[in-house]
Amino acid sequence: MTEKFEEWLSRYQQERNPAANTVRAIRSVVPRFLRFAQEKGRGTLDEITREDVIDFLNSQEARTSSKKIEERYITLFFNRAADYGLRVERLPVIGYRGPTDVPRAISKDLPRPSFKP
């Protein structure tokens, strides 16, 4: 996955010409996340899910505001990777809200509580 990241970063820099601080931040966040995903058994970019990103952010000891910035860089990477043909589809919107944002299964079949005034 690191080869795909380097390919992505090279292409992104050519197209967008981001500031040096942005490149430094991307180089700090995305490879760390990719290592985390590999440790969870993800072998390709296509195997990585929204829940993996949330798990990663929850595992970090940074403040929530810093985690939201990391989320943006990870989302940027995955969405551009899809645009560049390095991933089949874009990553679904993460919308990280903080440590209480725990990945969970949501079933549409569960009855919804009704609120009566």
Protein backbone atom coordinates (compact mmCIF):
# COMPACT_ATOMS: atom_id res chain seq x y z
CA MET A 1 0.00 0.00 0.00
CA THR A 2 2.92 2.36 0.57
CA GLU A 3 3.75 2.19 -3.16
CA LYS A 4 0.22 3.30 -3.99
CA PHE A 5 0.50 6.10 -1.45
CA GLU A 6 3.76 7.34 -3.00
CA GLU A 7 2.24 7.13 -6.49
CA TRP A 8 -0.81 9.04 -5.25
CA LEU A 9 1.25 11.72 -3.49
CA SER A 10 3.44 12.29 -6.54
CA ARG A 11 0.41 12.73 -8.76
CA TYR A 12 -1.40 14.89 -6.22
CA GLN A 13 1.61 17.20 -5.93
CA GLN A 14 1.84 17.55 -9.71
CA GLU A 15 -1.85 18.36 -10.08
CA ARG A 16 -2.53 20.47 -7.01
CA ASN A 17 0.86 21.88 -5.96
CA PRO A 18 -0.02 21.82 -2.23
CA ALA A 19 1.93 23.79 0.38
CA ALA A 20 4.94 22.10 1.96
CA ASN A 21 3.13 21.94 5.33
CA THR A 22 0.21 20.14 3.72
CA VAL A 23 2.53 17.56 2.15
CA ARG A 24 4.29 17.10 5.49
CA ALA A 25 0.96 16.56 7.25
CA ILE A 26 -0.24 14.10 4.62
CA ARG A 27 3.07 12.20 4.87
CA SER A 28 2.59 12.03 8.63
CA VAL A 29 -1.05 10.92 8.76
CA VAL A 30 -1.77 8.67 5.78
CA PRO A 31 1.15 6.20 6.09
CA ARG A 32 0.39 5.84 9.82
CA PHE A 33 -3.20 5.00 8.97
CA LEU A 34 -2.16 2.55 6.24
CA ARG A 35 0.12 0.73 8.72
CA PHE A 36 -2.79 0.57 11.16
CA ALA A 37 -5.04 -0.89 8.45
CA GLN A 38 -2.40 -3.47 7.49
CA GLU A 39 -2.09 -4.53 11.13
CA LYS A 40 -5.87 -5.11 11.08
CA GLY A 41 -5.39 -7.44 8.12
CA ARG A 42 -6.31 -5.10 5.28
CA GLY A 43 -4.18 -6.03 2.26
CA THR A 44 -5.43 -3.54 -0.32
CA LEU A 45 -6.89 -0.05 -0.38
CA ASP A 46 -10.24 -1.51 -1.46
CA GLU A 47 -10.50 -3.56 1.75
CA ILE A 48 -10.34 -0.47 3.97
CA THR A 49 -13.68 0.74 5.30
CA ARG A 50 -15.13 3.78 7.03
CA GLU A 51 -15.08 1.81 10.30
CA ASP A 52 -11.30 1.28 9.93
CA VAL A 53 -10.84 5.04 9.76
CA ILE A 54 -12.98 5.58 12.86
CA ASP A 55 -11.06 2.84 14.72
CA PHE A 56 -7.80 4.53 13.77
CA LEU A 57 -8.95 7.97 14.89
CA ASN A 58 -10.27 6.57 18.19
CA SER A 59 -6.92 4.86 18.79
CA GLN A 60 -5.05 8.17 18.58
CA GLU A 61 -4.35 10.16 21.72
CA ALA A 62 -4.76 13.53 20.01
CA ARG A 63 -7.56 16.01 20.66
CA THR A 64 -10.77 15.59 18.67
CA SER A 65 -9.99 18.69 16.59
CA SER A 66 -6.66 17.13 15.53
CA LYS A 67 -8.41 13.88 14.72
CA LYS A 68 -10.83 15.71 12.46
CA ILE A 69 -7.90 17.17 10.53
CA GLU A 70 -6.40 13.68 10.22
CA GLU A 71 -9.79 12.46 8.98
CA ARG A 72 -9.71 15.10 6.23
CA TYR A 73 -6.29 13.98 5.00
CA ILE A 74 -7.31 10.31 5.01
CA THR A 75 -10.54 11.13 3.15
CA LEU A 76 -8.61 13.25 0.65
CA PHE A 77 -6.24 10.35 0.02
CA PHE A 78 -8.98 7.79 -0.52
CA ASN A 79 -11.19 9.96 -2.68
CA ARG A 80 -8.31 11.06 -4.90
CA ALA A 81 -7.05 7.46 -5.01
CA ALA A 82 -10.44 6.50 -6.48
CA ASP A 83 -10.18 9.37 -8.97
CA TYR A 84 -6.70 8.14 -9.99
CA GLY A 85 -7.83 4.53 -10.37
CA LEU A 86 -5.91 3.29 -7.30
CA ARG A 87 -9.13 2.31 -5.52
CA VAL A 88 -12.42 1.06 -6.95
CA GLU A 89 -14.68 3.53 -5.14
CA ARG A 90 -14.56 6.58 -2.93
CA LEU A 91 -14.63 6.18 0.84
CA PRO A 92 -18.09 6.88 2.32
CA VAL A 93 -18.39 10.10 4.32
CA ILE A 94 -16.83 9.55 7.73
CA GLY A 95 -18.22 12.48 9.71
CA TYR A 96 -16.06 11.78 12.76
CA ARG A 97 -17.62 13.22 15.93
CA GLY A 98 -15.13 12.24 18.60
CA PRO A 99 -14.29 9.34 20.90
CA THR A 100 -17.96 8.48 21.31
CA ASP A 101 -18.10 7.72 17.58
CA VAL A 102 -17.76 3.97 17.82
CA PRO A 103 -18.19 1.76 14.75
CA ARG A 104 -21.37 -0.21 15.08
CA ALA A 105 -23.71 -2.22 12.93
CA ILE A 106 -26.94 -0.47 12.09
CA SER A 107 -29.91 -2.54 11.11
CA LYS A 108 -32.80 -1.04 9.19
CA ASP A 109 -34.98 -3.86 10.47
CA LEU A 110 -34.80 -2.77 14.11
CA PRO A 111 -37.91 -1.01 15.37
CA ARG A 112 -37.46 2.69 15.82
CA PRO A 113 -38.60 4.24 19.10
CA SER A 114 -41.68 6.38 18.75
CA PHE A 115 -41.84 9.64 20.61
CA LYS A 116 -45.32 10.73 21.62
CA PRO A 117 -45.81 14.30 22.84
